[in-house]
Amino acid sequence: MRRLRDVLERVAPPGVVEAGGVLAAWREVARRMGTEACPADFRSGRLTLYVATPTRAQELSLRAREIERAVNASLGAERVREVRVRAAPR
């Protein structure tokens, strides 16, 4: 019997399954860090997060390497190479 991930990788557009894994890992990392940043996008190794205010964006930007390492550790693989944090558009 095939694993669901194997089937999805065959039928989903390139990168979709990987992005889903990264976004799920971020939710776990965010819970541990106590932050409410929302994952907005994951492409070409870049994880983009949205937060409510520019001040919070600056705070999390200073922790980008920590976030990158934590997400990759959660995944058990080096998928995230860059973290960008933005204030959510209004």
PDB file of N, CA and C in Angstrom:
ATOM      1  N   MET A   1       0.845  -1.185   0.000  1.00  0.00           N
ATOM      2  CA  MET A   1       0.000   0.000   0.000  1.00  0.00           C
ATOM      3  C   MET A   1       0.889   1.247   0.000  1.00  0.00           C
ATOM      4  N   ARG A   2       0.521   2.226  -0.772  1.00  0.00           N
ATOM      5  CA  ARG A   2       1.291   3.474  -0.877  1.00  0.00           C
ATOM      6  C   ARG A   2       0.974   4.412   0.278  1.00  0.00           C
ATOM      7  N   ARG A   3       1.979   5.180   0.629  1.00  0.00           N
ATOM      8  CA  ARG A   3       1.773   6.213   1.645  1.00  0.00           C
ATOM      9  C   ARG A   3       1.081   7.404   0.992  1.00  0.00           C
ATOM     10  N   LEU A   4       0.274   8.104   1.775  1.00  0.00           N
ATOM     11  CA  LEU A   4      -0.445   9.269   1.270  1.00  0.00           C
ATOM     12  C   LEU A   4       0.521  10.303   0.712  1.00  0.00           C
ATOM     13  N   ARG A   5       1.633  10.525   1.399  1.00  0.00           N
ATOM     14  CA  ARG A   5       2.618  11.507   0.928  1.00  0.00           C
ATOM     15  C   ARG A   5       3.110  11.149  -0.475  1.00  0.00           C
ATOM     16  N   ASP A   6       3.378   9.868  -0.719  1.00  0.00           N
ATOM     17  CA  ASP A   6       3.851   9.436  -2.037  1.00  0.00           C
ATOM     18  C   ASP A   6       2.816   9.730  -3.121  1.00  0.00           C
ATOM     19  N   VAL A   7       1.558   9.468  -2.803  1.00  0.00           N
ATOM     20  CA  VAL A   7       0.485   9.727  -3.771  1.00  0.00           C
ATOM     21  C   VAL A   7       0.366  11.227  -4.030  1.00  0.00           C
ATOM     22  N   LEU A   8       0.373  12.024  -2.960  1.00  0.00           N
ATOM     23  CA  LEU A   8       0.252  13.476  -3.117  1.00  0.00           C
ATOM     24  C   LEU A   8       1.405  14.051  -3.931  1.00  0.00           C
ATOM     25  N   GLU A   9       2.613  13.548  -3.708  1.00  0.00           N
ATOM     26  CA  GLU A   9       3.759  14.054  -4.464  1.00  0.00           C
ATOM     27  C   GLU A   9       3.627  13.773  -5.956  1.00  0.00           C
ATOM     28  N   ARG A  10       2.902  12.735  -6.302  1.00  0.00           N
ATOM     29  CA  ARG A  10       2.710  12.414  -7.725  1.00  0.00           C
ATOM     30  C   ARG A  10       1.645  13.294  -8.377  1.00  0.00           C
ATOM     31  N   VAL A  11       0.623  13.694  -7.606  1.00  0.00           N
ATOM     32  CA  VAL A  11      -0.496  14.412  -8.216  1.00  0.00           C
ATOM     33  C   VAL A  11      -0.509  15.914  -7.936  1.00  0.00           C
ATOM     34  N   ALA A  12       0.124  16.348  -6.864  1.00  0.00           N
ATOM     35  CA  ALA A  12       0.112  17.777  -6.506  1.00  0.00           C
ATOM     36  C   ALA A  12       1.167  18.528  -7.312  1.00  0.00           C
ATOM     37  N   PRO A  13       0.947  19.812  -7.535  1.00  0.00           N
ATOM     38  CA  PRO A  13       1.975  20.625  -8.201  1.00  0.00           C
ATOM     39  C   PRO A  13       3.284  20.581  -7.411  1.00  0.00           C
ATOM     40  N   PRO A  14       4.413  20.762  -8.080  1.00  0.00           N
ATOM     41  CA  PRO A  14       5.712  20.711  -7.400  1.00  0.00           C
ATOM     42  C   PRO A  14       5.778  21.676  -6.211  1.00  0.00           C
ATOM     43  N   GLY A  15       6.277  21.184  -5.100  1.00  0.00           N
ATOM     44  CA  GLY A  15       6.478  22.019  -3.924  1.00  0.00           C
ATOM     45  C   GLY A  15       5.315  22.087  -2.956  1.00  0.00           C
ATOM     46  N   VAL A  16       4.134  21.653  -3.357  1.00  0.00           N
ATOM     47  CA  VAL A  16       2.958  21.790  -2.502  1.00  0.00           C
ATOM     48  C   VAL A  16       3.067  20.913  -1.257  1.00  0.00           C
ATOM     49  N   VAL A  17       3.473  19.681  -1.421  1.00  0.00           N
ATOM     50  CA  VAL A  17       3.583  18.773  -0.275  1.00  0.00           C
ATOM     51  C   VAL A  17       4.668  19.263   0.683  1.00  0.00           C
ATOM     52  N   GLU A  18       5.798  19.683   0.138  1.00  0.00           N
ATOM     53  CA  GLU A  18       6.881  20.207   0.969  1.00  0.00           C
ATOM     54  C   GLU A  18       6.414  21.446   1.736  1.00  0.00           C
ATOM     55  N   ALA A  19       5.713  22.347   1.058  1.00  0.00           N
ATOM     56  CA  ALA A  19       5.213  23.564   1.708  1.00  0.00           C
ATOM     57  C   ALA A  19       4.254  23.217   2.836  1.00  0.00           C
ATOM     58  N   GLY A  20       3.389  22.243   2.610  1.00  0.00           N
ATOM     59  CA  GLY A  20       2.456  21.824   3.655  1.00  0.00           C
ATOM     60  C   GLY A  20       3.179  21.341   4.896  1.00  0.00           C
ATOM     61  N   GLY A  21       4.259  20.588   4.704  1.00  0.00           N
ATOM     62  CA  GLY A  21       5.052  20.108   5.832  1.00  0.00           C
ATOM     63  C   GLY A  21       5.711  21.246   6.591  1.00  0.00           C
ATOM     64  N   VAL A  22       6.239  22.218   5.855  1.00  0.00           N
ATOM     65  CA  VAL A  22       6.897  23.367   6.489  1.00  0.00           C
ATOM     66  C   VAL A  22       5.880  24.190   7.277  1.00  0.00           C
ATOM     67  N   LEU A  23       4.714  24.426   6.701  1.00  0.00           N
ATOM     68  CA  LEU A  23       3.704  25.230   7.388  1.00  0.00           C
ATOM     69  C   LEU A  23       3.196  24.517   8.638  1.00  0.00           C
ATOM     70  N   ALA A  24       3.050  23.203   8.572  1.00  0.00           N
ATOM     71  CA  ALA A  24       2.640  22.439   9.757  1.00  0.00           C
ATOM     72  C   ALA A  24       3.723  22.504  10.836  1.00  0.00           C
ATOM     73  N   ALA A  25       4.981  22.390  10.435  1.00  0.00           N
ATOM     74  CA  ALA A  25       6.087  22.488  11.395  1.00  0.00           C
ATOM     75  C   ALA A  25       6.105  23.872  12.033  1.00  0.00           C
ATOM     76  N   TRP A  26       5.835  24.913  11.243  1.00  0.00           N
ATOM     77  CA  TRP A  26       5.813  26.267  11.794  1.00  0.00           C
ATOM     78  C   TRP A  26       4.761  26.384  12.885  1.00  0.00           C
ATOM     79  N   ARG A  27       3.583  25.811  12.683  1.00  0.00           N
ATOM     80  CA  ARG A  27       2.538  25.921  13.695  1.00  0.00           C
ATOM     81  C   ARG A  27       3.029  25.373  15.050  1.00  0.00           C
ATOM     82  N   GLU A  28       3.729  24.250  15.014  1.00  0.00           N
ATOM     83  CA  GLU A  28       4.273  23.662  16.244  1.00  0.00           C
ATOM     84  C   GLU A  28       5.338  24.575  16.858  1.00  0.00           C
ATOM     85  N   VAL A  29       6.226  25.098  16.036  1.00  0.00           N
ATOM     86  CA  VAL A  29       7.276  26.005  16.521  1.00  0.00           C
ATOM     87  C   VAL A  29       6.643  27.270  17.101  1.00  0.00           C
ATOM     88  N   ALA A  30       5.647  27.822  16.430  1.00  0.00           N
ATOM     89  CA  ALA A  30       4.973  29.037  16.904  1.00  0.00           C
ATOM     90  C   ALA A  30       4.336  28.803  18.265  1.00  0.00           C
ATOM     91  N   ARG A  31       3.731  27.637  18.437  1.00  0.00           N
ATOM     92  CA  ARG A  31       3.109  27.314  19.725  1.00  0.00           C
ATOM     93  C   ARG A  31       4.171  27.299  20.826  1.00  0.00           C
ATOM     94  N   ARG A  32       5.303  26.672  20.559  1.00  0.00           N
ATOM     95  CA  ARG A  32       6.381  26.610  21.562  1.00  0.00           C
ATOM     96  C   ARG A  32       6.975  27.988  21.839  1.00  0.00           C
ATOM     97  N   MET A  33       7.054  28.836  20.805  1.00  0.00           N
ATOM     98  CA  MET A  33       7.630  30.179  20.967  1.00  0.00           C
ATOM     99  C   MET A  33       6.625  31.166  21.546  1.00  0.00           C
ATOM    100  N   GLY A  34       5.362  30.798  21.571  1.00  0.00           N
ATOM    101  CA  GLY A  34       4.339  31.683  22.087  1.00  0.00           C
ATOM    102  C   GLY A  34       4.042  32.859  21.175  1.00  0.00           C
ATOM    103  N   THR A  35       4.145  32.642  19.870  1.00  0.00           N
ATOM    104  CA  THR A  35       3.869  33.719  18.922  1.00  0.00           C
ATOM    105  C   THR A  35       2.640  33.397  18.090  1.00  0.00           C
ATOM    106  N   GLU A  36       1.980  34.426  17.627  1.00  0.00           N
ATOM    107  CA  GLU A  36       0.780  34.251  16.822  1.00  0.00           C
ATOM    108  C   GLU A  36       1.020  34.607  15.360  1.00  0.00           C
ATOM    109  N   ALA A  37       2.244  34.523  14.912  1.00  0.00           N
ATOM    110  CA  ALA A  37       2.541  34.801  13.501  1.00  0.00           C
ATOM    111  C   ALA A  37       1.872  33.751  12.629  1.00  0.00           C
ATOM    112  N   CYS A  38       1.300  34.199  11.523  1.00  0.00           N
ATOM    113  CA  CYS A  38       0.629  33.293  10.585  1.00  0.00           C
ATOM    114  C   CYS A  38       1.549  32.994   9.412  1.00  0.00           C
ATOM    115  N   PRO A  39       1.674  31.720   9.050  1.00  0.00           N
ATOM    116  CA  PRO A  39       2.475  31.409   7.874  1.00  0.00           C
ATOM    117  C   PRO A  39       1.751  31.907   6.633  1.00  0.00           C
ATOM    118  N   ALA A  40       2.442  32.644   5.793  1.00  0.00           N
ATOM    119  CA  ALA A  40       1.825  33.202   4.594  1.00  0.00           C
ATOM    120  C   ALA A  40       2.242  32.455   3.339  1.00  0.00           C
ATOM    121  N   ASP A  41       3.508  31.995   3.300  1.00  0.00           N
ATOM    122  CA  ASP A  41       4.006  31.385   2.068  1.00  0.00           C
ATOM    123  C   ASP A  41       5.292  30.615   2.352  1.00  0.00           C
ATOM    124  N   PHE A  42       5.533  29.600   1.541  1.00  0.00           N
ATOM    125  CA  PHE A  42       6.818  28.906   1.555  1.00  0.00           C
ATOM    126  C   PHE A  42       7.162  28.555   0.118  1.00  0.00           C
ATOM    127  N   ARG A  43       8.232  29.164  -0.376  1.00  0.00           N
ATOM    128  CA  ARG A  43       8.704  28.906  -1.741  1.00  0.00           C
ATOM    129  C   ARG A  43      10.214  29.000  -1.778  1.00  0.00           C
ATOM    130  N   SER A  44      10.819  28.092  -2.511  1.00  0.00           N
ATOM    131  CA  SER A  44      12.273  28.119  -2.744  1.00  0.00           C
ATOM    132  C   SER A  44      13.068  28.303  -1.453  1.00  0.00           C
ATOM    133  N   GLY A  45      12.629  27.655  -0.386  1.00  0.00           N
ATOM    134  CA  GLY A  45      13.354  27.730   0.872  1.00  0.00           C
ATOM    135  C   GLY A  45      13.046  28.943   1.724  1.00  0.00           C
ATOM    136  N   ARG A  46      12.165  29.825   1.267  1.00  0.00           N
ATOM    137  CA  ARG A  46      11.837  31.050   2.012  1.00  0.00           C
ATOM    138  C   ARG A  46      10.464  30.916   2.683  1.00  0.00           C
ATOM    139  N   LEU A  47      10.456  30.995   4.006  1.00  0.00           N
ATOM    140  CA  LEU A  47       9.224  30.978   4.784  1.00  0.00           C
ATOM    141  C   LEU A  47       8.847  32.417   5.103  1.00  0.00           C
ATOM    142  N   THR A  48       7.658  32.825   4.702  1.00  0.00           N
ATOM    143  CA  THR A  48       7.166  34.176   4.978  1.00  0.00           C
ATOM    144  C   THR A  48       6.066  34.081   6.029  1.00  0.00           C
ATOM    145  N   LEU A  49       6.202  34.901   7.063  1.00  0.00           N
ATOM    146  CA  LEU A  49       5.239  34.937   8.158  1.00  0.00           C
ATOM    147  C   LEU A  49       4.609  36.318   8.239  1.00  0.00           C
ATOM    148  N   TYR A  50       3.323  36.358   8.581  1.00  0.00           N
ATOM    149  CA  TYR A  50       2.632  37.621   8.808  1.00  0.00           C
ATOM    150  C   TYR A  50       2.349  37.778  10.299  1.00  0.00           C
ATOM    151  N   VAL A  51       2.524  38.993  10.781  1.00  0.00           N
ATOM    152  CA  VAL A  51       2.187  39.347  12.160  1.00  0.00           C
ATOM    153  C   VAL A  51       1.306  40.590  12.134  1.00  0.00           C
ATOM    154  N   ALA A  52       0.747  40.927  13.289  1.00  0.00           N
ATOM    155  CA  ALA A  52      -0.240  42.006  13.351  1.00  0.00           C
ATOM    156  C   ALA A  52       0.348  43.401  13.211  1.00  0.00           C
ATOM    157  N   THR A  53       1.568  43.619  13.703  1.00  0.00           N
ATOM    158  CA  THR A  53       2.111  44.980  13.723  1.00  0.00           C
ATOM    159  C   THR A  53       3.549  45.023  13.212  1.00  0.00           C
ATOM    160  N   PRO A  54       3.976  46.188  12.721  1.00  0.00           N
ATOM    161  CA  PRO A  54       5.375  46.331  12.306  1.00  0.00           C
ATOM    162  C   PRO A  54       6.357  46.086  13.461  1.00  0.00           C
ATOM    163  N   THR A  55       5.975  46.467  14.669  1.00  0.00           N
ATOM    164  CA  THR A  55       6.842  46.245  15.827  1.00  0.00           C
ATOM    165  C   THR A  55       7.075  44.758  16.052  1.00  0.00           C
ATOM    166  N   ARG A  56       6.008  43.984  15.986  1.00  0.00           N
ATOM    167  CA  ARG A  56       6.130  42.531  16.157  1.00  0.00           C
ATOM    168  C   ARG A  56       6.932  41.927  15.006  1.00  0.00           C
ATOM    169  N   ALA A  57       6.773  42.471  13.805  1.00  0.00           N
ATOM    170  CA  ALA A  57       7.555  41.989  12.657  1.00  0.00           C
ATOM    171  C   ALA A  57       9.042  42.192  12.915  1.00  0.00           C
ATOM    172  N   GLN A  58       9.404  43.339  13.447  1.00  0.00           N
ATOM    173  CA  GLN A  58      10.808  43.615  13.759  1.00  0.00           C
ATOM    174  C   GLN A  58      11.333  42.647  14.821  1.00  0.00           C
ATOM    175  N   GLU A  59      10.536  42.436  15.861  1.00  0.00           N
ATOM    176  CA  GLU A  59      10.949  41.524  16.933  1.00  0.00           C
ATOM    177  C   GLU A  59      11.228  40.122  16.392  1.00  0.00           C
ATOM    178  N   LEU A  60      10.308  39.595  15.587  1.00  0.00           N
ATOM    179  CA  LEU A  60      10.498  38.242  15.058  1.00  0.00           C
ATOM    180  C   LEU A  60      11.578  38.193  13.990  1.00  0.00           C
ATOM    181  N   SER A  61      11.770  39.279  13.258  1.00  0.00           N
ATOM    182  CA  SER A  61      12.852  39.317  12.267  1.00  0.00           C
ATOM    183  C   SER A  61      14.202  39.117  12.942  1.00  0.00           C
ATOM    184  N   LEU A  62      14.342  39.646  14.143  1.00  0.00           N
ATOM    185  CA  LEU A  62      15.586  39.476  14.889  1.00  0.00           C
ATOM    186  C   LEU A  62      15.796  38.025  15.327  1.00  0.00           C
ATOM    187  N   ARG A  63      14.726  37.246  15.317  1.00  0.00           N
ATOM    188  CA  ARG A  63      14.798  35.832  15.701  1.00  0.00           C
ATOM    189  C   ARG A  63      14.710  34.902  14.488  1.00  0.00           C
ATOM    190  N   ALA A  64      14.930  35.436  13.296  1.00  0.00           N
ATOM    191  CA  ALA A  64      14.756  34.656  12.065  1.00  0.00           C
ATOM    192  C   ALA A  64      15.609  33.387  12.043  1.00  0.00           C
ATOM    193  N   ARG A  65      16.878  33.485  12.439  1.00  0.00           N
ATOM    194  CA  ARG A  65      17.750  32.295  12.435  1.00  0.00           C
ATOM    195  C   ARG A  65      17.248  31.257  13.437  1.00  0.00           C
ATOM    196  N   GLU A  66      16.793  31.713  14.581  1.00  0.00           N
ATOM    197  CA  GLU A  66      16.238  30.799  15.588  1.00  0.00           C
ATOM    198  C   GLU A  66      15.009  30.081  15.028  1.00  0.00           C
ATOM    199  N   ILE A  67      14.141  30.839  14.349  1.00  0.00           N
ATOM    200  CA  ILE A  67      12.941  30.261  13.740  1.00  0.00           C
ATOM    201  C   ILE A  67      13.336  29.246  12.670  1.00  0.00           C
ATOM    202  N   GLU A  68      14.270  29.628  11.818  1.00  0.00           N
ATOM    203  CA  GLU A  68      14.745  28.739  10.748  1.00  0.00           C
ATOM    204  C   GLU A  68      15.243  27.415  11.328  1.00  0.00           C
ATOM    205  N   ARG A  69      16.096  27.494  12.335  1.00  0.00           N
ATOM    206  CA  ARG A  69      16.649  26.280  12.951  1.00  0.00           C
ATOM    207  C   ARG A  69      15.555  25.431  13.598  1.00  0.00           C
ATOM    208  N   ALA A  70      14.607  26.078  14.276  1.00  0.00           N
ATOM    209  CA  ALA A  70      13.546  25.341  14.964  1.00  0.00           C
ATOM    210  C   ALA A  70      12.627  24.620  13.982  1.00  0.00           C
ATOM    211  N   VAL A  71      12.265  25.287  12.892  1.00  0.00           N
ATOM    212  CA  VAL A  71      11.401  24.649  11.890  1.00  0.00           C
ATOM    213  C   VAL A  71      12.137  23.482  11.240  1.00  0.00           C
ATOM    214  N   ASN A  72      13.382  23.689  10.866  1.00  0.00           N
ATOM    215  CA  ASN A  72      14.157  22.610  10.254  1.00  0.00           C
ATOM    216  C   ASN A  72      14.329  21.435  11.215  1.00  0.00           C
ATOM    217  N   ALA A  73      14.541  21.716  12.488  1.00  0.00           N
ATOM    218  CA  ALA A  73      14.664  20.643  13.482  1.00  0.00           C
ATOM    219  C   ALA A  73      13.358  19.872  13.596  1.00  0.00           C
ATOM    220  N   SER A  74      12.241  20.587  13.569  1.00  0.00           N
ATOM    221  CA  SER A  74      10.935  19.941  13.634  1.00  0.00           C
ATOM    222  C   SER A  74      10.700  19.043  12.424  1.00  0.00           C
ATOM    223  N   LEU A  75      11.180  19.481  11.272  1.00  0.00           N
ATOM    224  CA  LEU A  75      11.032  18.700  10.038  1.00  0.00           C
ATOM    225  C   LEU A  75      12.022  17.543   9.961  1.00  0.00           C
ATOM    226  N   GLY A  76      13.138  17.686  10.655  1.00  0.00           N
ATOM    227  CA  GLY A  76      14.196  16.693  10.543  1.00  0.00           C
ATOM    228  C   GLY A  76      14.955  16.810   9.237  1.00  0.00           C
ATOM    229  N   ALA A  77      14.870  17.976   8.605  1.00  0.00           N
ATOM    230  CA  ALA A  77      15.543  18.226   7.322  1.00  0.00           C
ATOM    231  C   ALA A  77      15.737  19.724   7.151  1.00  0.00           C
ATOM    232  N   GLU A  78      16.731  20.087   6.352  1.00  0.00           N
ATOM    233  CA  GLU A  78      17.016  21.502   6.082  1.00  0.00           C
ATOM    234  C   GLU A  78      16.170  21.976   4.899  1.00  0.00           C
ATOM    235  N   ARG A  79      14.956  22.402   5.168  1.00  0.00           N
ATOM    236  CA  ARG A  79      14.058  22.886   4.112  1.00  0.00           C
ATOM    237  C   ARG A  79      14.004  24.416   4.064  1.00  0.00           C
ATOM    238  N   VAL A  80      14.031  25.047   5.248  1.00  0.00           N
ATOM    239  CA  VAL A  80      13.920  26.503   5.342  1.00  0.00           C
ATOM    240  C   VAL A  80      15.324  27.096   5.339  1.00  0.00           C
ATOM    241  N   ARG A  81      15.576  27.984   4.380  1.00  0.00           N
ATOM    242  CA  ARG A  81      16.876  28.654   4.285  1.00  0.00           C
ATOM    243  C   ARG A  81      16.783  30.134   4.646  1.00  0.00           C
ATOM    244  N   GLU A  82      15.565  30.651   4.676  1.00  0.00           N
ATOM    245  CA  GLU A  82      15.367  32.075   4.978  1.00  0.00           C
ATOM    246  C   GLU A  82      13.985  32.253   5.593  1.00  0.00           C
ATOM    247  N   VAL A  83      13.894  33.162   6.562  1.00  0.00           N
ATOM    248  CA  VAL A  83      12.610  33.508   7.172  1.00  0.00           C
ATOM    249  C   VAL A  83      12.409  35.001   7.003  1.00  0.00           C
ATOM    250  N   ARG A  84      11.264  35.360   6.464  1.00  0.00           N
ATOM    251  CA  ARG A  84      10.883  36.775   6.347  1.00  0.00           C
ATOM    252  C   ARG A  84       9.637  36.995   7.182  1.00  0.00           C
ATOM    253  N   VAL A  85       9.618  38.101   7.892  1.00  0.00           N
ATOM    254  CA  VAL A  85       8.467  38.431   8.728  1.00  0.00           C
ATOM    255  C   VAL A  85       7.936  39.776   8.268  1.00  0.00           C
ATOM    256  N   ARG A  86       6.648  39.831   8.030  1.00  0.00           N
ATOM    257  CA  ARG A  86       6.004  41.043   7.522  1.00  0.00           C
ATOM    258  C   ARG A  86       4.779  41.383   8.364  1.00  0.00           C
ATOM    259  N   ALA A  87       4.493  42.668   8.477  1.00  0.00           N
ATOM    260  CA  ALA A  87       3.224  43.082   9.072  1.00  0.00           C
ATOM    261  C   ALA A  87       2.134  42.735   8.065  1.00  0.00           C
ATOM    262  N   ALA A  88       1.064  42.142   8.550  1.00  0.00           N
ATOM    263  CA  ALA A  88      -0.023  41.712   7.667  1.00  0.00           C
ATOM    264  C   ALA A  88      -0.638  42.911   6.965  1.00  0.00           C
ATOM    265  N   PRO A  89      -0.937  42.742   5.678  1.00  0.00           N
ATOM    266  CA  PRO A  89      -1.601  43.837   4.963  1.00  0.00           C
ATOM    267  C   PRO A  89      -2.991  44.062   5.539  1.00  0.00           C
ATOM    268  N   ARG A  90      -3.390  45.308   5.533  1.00  0.00           N
ATOM    269  CA  ARG A  90      -4.725  45.627   6.076  1.00  0.00           C
ATOM    270  C   ARG A  90      -5.670  45.978   4.976  1.00  0.00           C
TER     271      ARG A  90
END
